[in-house]
Amino acid sequence: MENFYELKSGAVLRFFLKVLGVLLVLNLAVLSIEYYFENYTTSKITSRYTFQTYVTGMFYFDGERNVPSYFSTLNLLISAFLLFTISKYVKRSTHPQNFRKWYLMGCVFVWLALDELFALHEISAKPMRTLLQNYLQQENLGFLHFAWFVPYLLVLLGVGAYFFRFVLSLPGKTLSGFFLAGVIFMAGAVGMEMVSGLIVSHDLLAIYKIITTVEETLEMLGVILFIHALIKHLEHQKGLNTITINIAVGPQSQGAADTERANPAPEVQKRKNILVA
């Protein structure tokens, strides 16, 4: 049995924005509850393991391996899947020269997903901070406090230089979609990370969690817009009406398969010019 699932860029965008909105409300709710108990009551409930694990730990945007981080990881993997799908489509087209670029972009997003899930960037944070402190001869690094983004930014510049001409060759709507998504993502991942470092280095911890909420929100929003841009790019390709995911469930007999190929259903016939992933 085969199941076809169609992806519409507008519907996908609305769905992910709704999920992001729900997660943002939950994040702000648990932060508000935590702030209330810590500042207006004598209760120590916020310091208990259960509260930190299943309340703030579960929904705080800057947490690790919780609902928001899994949502971010899933979005990055979806981006990778779409990039691999485009690479496959381009390879089979009459102009296959750029399929490797799409494939490599997919590999970059697989790495970003793994980094999001396992917080791999944190490995370089302390060594890089120590290196910068020794080089700059100062203990307080200000906006460079979370120094992991320095090597990541250098790598990003190299990756950006490699893909620069390719990205500029994309259709105008795709290029503008990528640009908007990239600006929003970098505003969170680098811009707000620098603001967070400045806040921590000056012990302004009262607003730290709000800043990290803005940071993670921008990152997730950027990836969601990137997914939307990728689906729009697929929709606008010649002869491509929509994106259909074909999931086959259970074994199919050879006779049935031969019959289906000889006499395709009208619905399947209409999908001849539709990308099936």
Protein backbone atom coordinates (compact mmCIF):
# COMPACT_ATOMS: atom_id res chain seq x y z
CA MET A 1 0.00 0.00 0.00
CA GLU A 2 1.28 3.46 -0.91
CA ASN A 3 0.43 6.67 0.91
CA PHE A 4 0.95 10.05 -0.74
CA TYR A 5 1.48 13.15 1.39
CA GLU A 6 1.53 16.52 -0.36
CA LEU A 7 3.53 19.43 1.02
CA LYS A 8 2.32 22.97 0.34
CA SER A 9 4.75 25.74 1.24
CA GLY A 10 2.12 28.00 2.80
CA ALA A 11 0.55 25.23 4.88
CA VAL A 12 3.97 24.04 6.07
CA LEU A 13 4.96 27.58 7.06
CA ARG A 14 1.75 28.13 9.00
CA PHE A 15 2.10 24.79 10.79
CA PHE A 16 5.68 25.37 11.92
CA LEU A 17 4.94 28.94 12.99
CA LYS A 18 2.05 27.67 15.12
CA VAL A 19 4.31 25.07 16.75
CA LEU A 20 6.96 27.74 17.38
CA GLY A 21 4.29 30.00 18.89
CA VAL A 22 3.07 27.28 21.26
CA LEU A 23 6.64 26.49 22.35
CA LEU A 24 7.36 30.18 22.88
CA VAL A 25 4.28 30.56 25.09
CA LEU A 26 5.29 27.48 27.11
CA ASN A 27 8.83 28.82 27.48
CA LEU A 28 7.62 32.21 28.72
CA ALA A 29 5.10 30.53 31.02
CA VAL A 30 7.70 28.37 32.80
CA LEU A 31 10.10 31.31 33.08
CA SER A 32 7.31 33.42 34.59
CA ILE A 33 6.44 30.67 37.07
CA GLU A 34 10.10 30.32 38.01
CA TYR A 35 10.51 34.08 38.45
CA TYR A 36 7.36 34.31 40.60
CA PHE A 37 8.39 31.54 43.00
CA GLU A 38 11.95 32.83 43.30
CA ASN A 39 11.04 36.47 43.91
CA TYR A 40 7.58 36.56 45.52
CA THR A 41 7.43 33.42 47.65
CA THR A 42 9.63 31.56 50.10
CA SER A 43 9.10 28.27 48.29
CA LYS A 44 12.16 26.35 47.13
CA ILE A 45 10.25 24.43 44.50
CA THR A 46 12.25 25.90 41.62
CA SER A 47 15.46 24.36 42.97
CA ARG A 48 14.02 20.86 43.09
CA TYR A 49 15.09 18.26 40.56
CA THR A 50 11.52 17.58 39.42
CA PHE A 51 10.85 21.26 38.64
CA GLN A 52 14.18 21.81 36.90
CA THR A 53 13.83 18.63 34.84
CA TYR A 54 10.14 18.53 33.95
CA VAL A 55 9.15 22.21 33.99
CA THR A 56 11.91 24.69 33.11
CA GLY A 57 14.18 21.95 31.82
CA MET A 58 11.49 20.61 29.51
CA PHE A 59 10.43 23.86 27.83
CA TYR A 60 13.21 26.44 28.38
CA PHE A 61 14.51 27.47 24.96
CA ASP A 62 18.17 27.48 26.00
CA GLY A 63 17.97 23.96 27.46
CA GLU A 64 19.52 20.87 25.94
CA ARG A 65 17.69 17.72 24.82
CA ASN A 66 14.27 19.10 25.62
CA VAL A 67 11.17 19.82 23.53
CA PRO A 68 12.46 23.06 21.89
CA SER A 69 15.88 21.55 21.09
CA TYR A 70 14.25 18.48 19.54
CA PHE A 71 12.01 20.78 17.49
CA SER A 72 15.08 22.68 16.27
CA THR A 73 16.88 19.44 15.44
CA LEU A 74 13.87 18.17 13.50
CA ASN A 75 13.67 21.40 11.50
CA LEU A 76 17.35 21.16 10.57
CA LEU A 77 16.90 17.54 9.49
CA ILE A 78 13.87 18.49 7.40
CA SER A 79 16.02 21.17 5.74
CA ALA A 80 18.66 18.54 5.00
CA PHE A 81 16.02 16.17 3.58
CA LEU A 82 14.69 18.89 1.28
CA LEU A 83 18.20 19.80 0.12
CA PHE A 84 18.96 16.15 -0.65
CA THR A 85 15.64 15.91 -2.49
CA ILE A 86 16.47 18.97 -4.61
CA SER A 87 19.92 17.50 -5.32
CA LYS A 88 18.26 14.30 -6.53
CA TYR A 89 15.84 16.27 -8.70
CA VAL A 90 18.60 18.46 -10.20
CA LYS A 91 20.80 15.43 -10.92
CA ARG A 92 18.00 13.94 -13.03
CA SER A 93 17.24 17.22 -14.81
CA THR A 94 18.67 18.59 -18.04
CA HIS A 95 21.03 20.85 -16.05
CA PRO A 96 22.62 18.57 -13.44
CA GLN A 97 25.83 20.54 -12.88
CA ASN A 98 24.85 21.95 -9.46
CA PHE A 99 23.43 18.83 -7.82
CA ARG A 100 26.59 18.39 -5.72
CA LYS A 101 26.17 21.88 -4.28
CA TRP A 102 22.65 21.04 -3.09
CA TYR A 103 23.92 17.74 -1.68
CA LEU A 104 26.77 19.43 0.22
CA MET A 105 24.34 21.99 1.63
CA GLY A 106 22.29 19.05 2.89
CA CYS A 107 25.39 17.64 4.59
CA VAL A 108 25.97 21.00 6.30
CA PHE A 109 22.46 20.90 7.74
CA VAL A 110 22.93 17.32 8.95
CA TRP A 111 25.96 18.59 10.88
CA LEU A 112 23.96 21.52 12.26
CA ALA A 113 21.26 19.10 13.40
CA LEU A 114 23.81 16.93 15.22
CA ASP A 115 25.35 20.05 16.75
CA GLU A 116 21.94 21.20 17.97
CA LEU A 117 21.07 17.80 19.43
CA PHE A 118 24.39 17.11 21.18
CA ALA A 119 25.57 20.73 21.74
CA LEU A 120 28.86 19.94 20.00
CA HIS A 121 29.77 23.65 19.78
CA GLU A 122 30.07 23.77 23.58
CA ILE A 123 33.21 21.62 23.31
CA SER A 124 35.13 24.54 21.84
CA ALA A 125 33.66 27.23 24.13
CA LYS A 126 36.03 26.99 27.11
CA PRO A 127 39.30 26.39 25.15
CA MET A 128 38.44 29.24 22.79
CA ARG A 129 37.60 31.56 25.69
CA THR A 130 40.94 30.78 27.35
CA LEU A 131 42.77 31.36 24.07
CA LEU A 132 41.13 34.75 23.58
CA GLN A 133 41.76 35.75 27.20
CA ASN A 134 45.46 35.01 26.78
CA TYR A 135 45.65 36.70 23.39
CA LEU A 136 43.73 39.84 24.42
CA GLN A 137 45.30 39.93 27.90
CA GLN A 138 41.96 40.45 29.65
CA GLU A 139 39.73 38.29 31.80
CA ASN A 140 36.39 39.85 30.86
CA LEU A 141 35.76 39.21 27.17
CA GLY A 142 32.40 40.96 27.02
CA PHE A 143 30.50 39.95 23.89
CA LEU A 144 33.17 37.28 23.20
CA HIS A 145 32.36 35.45 26.45
CA PHE A 146 30.68 32.59 24.56
CA ALA A 147 33.69 32.21 22.31
CA TRP A 148 32.55 29.07 20.49
CA PHE A 149 31.01 31.16 17.73
CA VAL A 150 34.42 32.57 16.69
CA PRO A 151 35.70 29.38 14.99
CA TYR A 152 32.19 28.62 13.77
CA LEU A 153 31.99 32.06 12.19
CA LEU A 154 35.31 31.52 10.43
CA VAL A 155 34.12 28.18 9.09
CA LEU A 156 30.86 29.81 8.02
CA LEU A 157 32.75 32.45 6.05
CA GLY A 158 34.66 29.69 4.25
CA VAL A 159 31.48 27.74 3.51
CA GLY A 160 29.75 30.94 2.40
CA ALA A 161 32.61 31.75 0.01
CA TYR A 162 32.34 28.25 -1.50
CA PHE A 163 28.57 28.53 -2.10
CA PHE A 164 28.52 32.26 -2.92
CA ARG A 165 28.38 32.09 -6.72
CA PHE A 166 26.00 29.15 -6.63
CA VAL A 167 23.55 30.92 -4.34
CA LEU A 168 23.65 34.06 -6.49
CA SER A 169 22.72 31.93 -9.52
CA LEU A 170 19.46 30.81 -7.88
CA PRO A 171 16.08 32.29 -8.90
CA GLY A 172 15.32 35.66 -7.34
CA LYS A 173 12.56 34.42 -5.03
CA THR A 174 14.72 31.55 -3.78
CA LEU A 175 17.68 33.87 -3.24
CA SER A 176 15.61 36.40 -1.30
CA GLY A 177 14.09 33.60 0.80
CA PHE A 178 17.51 32.20 1.61
CA PHE A 179 18.84 35.67 2.42
CA LEU A 180 15.97 36.50 4.79
CA ALA A 181 16.24 33.13 6.55
CA GLY A 182 20.02 33.47 6.85
CA VAL A 183 19.91 37.00 8.26
CA ILE A 184 17.33 36.04 10.89
CA PHE A 185 19.20 32.86 11.84
CA MET A 186 22.57 34.64 12.14
CA ALA A 187 20.97 37.48 14.14
CA GLY A 188 20.08 34.86 16.73
CA ALA A 189 23.02 32.45 16.50
CA VAL A 190 25.74 35.12 16.47
CA GLY A 191 24.18 38.50 17.21
CA MET A 192 22.15 37.54 20.26
CA GLU A 193 24.89 35.14 21.40
CA MET A 194 27.22 38.13 21.59
CA VAL A 195 24.60 40.08 23.56
CA SER A 196 24.25 37.07 25.91
CA GLY A 197 28.01 37.03 26.44
CA LEU A 198 27.98 40.72 27.29
CA ILE A 199 25.17 40.19 29.81
CA VAL A 200 26.91 37.26 31.51
CA SER A 201 30.26 39.04 31.66
CA HIS A 202 28.60 41.99 33.43
CA ASP A 203 26.48 39.80 35.76
CA LEU A 204 23.18 41.03 34.34
CA LEU A 205 21.66 37.60 34.82
CA ALA A 206 18.15 38.90 35.51
CA ILE A 207 17.51 39.32 31.79
CA TYR A 208 19.75 36.53 30.53
CA LYS A 209 16.93 34.02 29.99
CA ILE A 210 14.89 36.57 28.05
CA ILE A 211 17.85 37.26 25.77
CA THR A 212 18.43 33.53 25.17
CA THR A 213 14.72 33.15 24.43
CA VAL A 214 15.03 35.82 21.72
CA GLU A 215 18.19 34.13 20.44
CA GLU A 216 16.63 30.67 20.11
CA THR A 217 13.41 32.08 18.68
CA LEU A 218 15.33 33.84 15.90
CA GLU A 219 17.30 30.67 15.15
CA MET A 220 14.18 28.52 14.90
CA LEU A 221 12.35 31.16 12.86
CA GLY A 222 15.29 31.37 10.45
CA VAL A 223 15.28 27.61 9.84
CA ILE A 224 11.48 27.58 9.40
CA LEU A 225 11.75 30.32 6.76
CA PHE A 226 14.54 28.36 5.08
CA ILE A 227 12.29 25.29 4.89
CA HIS A 228 9.58 27.48 3.38
CA ALA A 229 12.05 28.86 0.81
CA LEU A 230 13.16 25.34 -0.15
CA ILE A 231 9.60 24.13 -0.69
CA LYS A 232 8.77 27.27 -2.68
CA HIS A 233 11.85 26.61 -4.81
CA LEU A 234 10.61 23.10 -5.53
CA GLU A 235 7.13 24.35 -6.33
CA HIS A 236 8.43 26.85 -8.87
CA GLN A 237 10.54 24.39 -10.85
CA LYS A 238 9.41 23.62 -14.38
CA GLY A 239 6.87 20.79 -14.47
CA LEU A 240 6.73 20.54 -10.68
CA ASN A 241 3.27 21.22 -9.29
CA THR A 242 3.69 20.10 -5.72
CA ILE A 243 5.86 17.92 -3.51
CA THR A 244 4.60 14.46 -2.79
CA ILE A 245 6.10 12.06 -0.28
CA ASN A 246 5.41 8.47 -1.26
CA ILE A 247 5.53 6.01 1.62
CA ALA A 248 5.07 2.34 0.74
CA VAL A 249 3.73 0.19 3.57
CA GLY A 250 3.81 -3.61 3.54
CA PRO A 251 4.87 -6.06 0.82
CA GLN A 252 3.26 -6.02 -2.61
CA SER A 253 2.92 -9.08 -4.79
CA GLN A 254 4.70 -9.12 -8.16
CA GLY A 255 1.39 -9.63 -10.00
CA ALA A 256 -0.20 -6.67 -8.29
CA ALA A 257 2.83 -4.53 -8.99
CA ASP A 258 2.80 -5.49 -12.70
CA THR A 259 -0.93 -4.76 -12.90
CA GLU A 260 -0.48 -1.36 -11.27
CA ARG A 261 2.32 -0.42 -13.64
CA ALA A 262 0.24 -1.51 -16.66
CA ASN A 263 -2.91 0.27 -15.47
CA PRO A 264 -1.94 3.17 -13.24
CA ALA A 265 -4.72 4.80 -11.30
CA PRO A 266 -5.86 8.22 -12.53
CA GLU A 267 -4.46 9.82 -9.36
CA VAL A 268 -1.02 8.37 -10.04
CA GLN A 269 -1.18 9.37 -13.72
CA LYS A 270 -1.77 12.96 -12.68
CA ARG A 271 1.44 12.83 -10.62
CA LYS A 272 3.76 12.24 -13.58
CA ASN A 273 5.02 15.81 -13.37
CA ILE A 274 5.12 15.83 -9.58
CA LEU A 275 8.28 15.21 -7.62
CA VAL A 276 8.03 12.09 -5.51
CA ALA A 277 10.51 11.88 -2.66
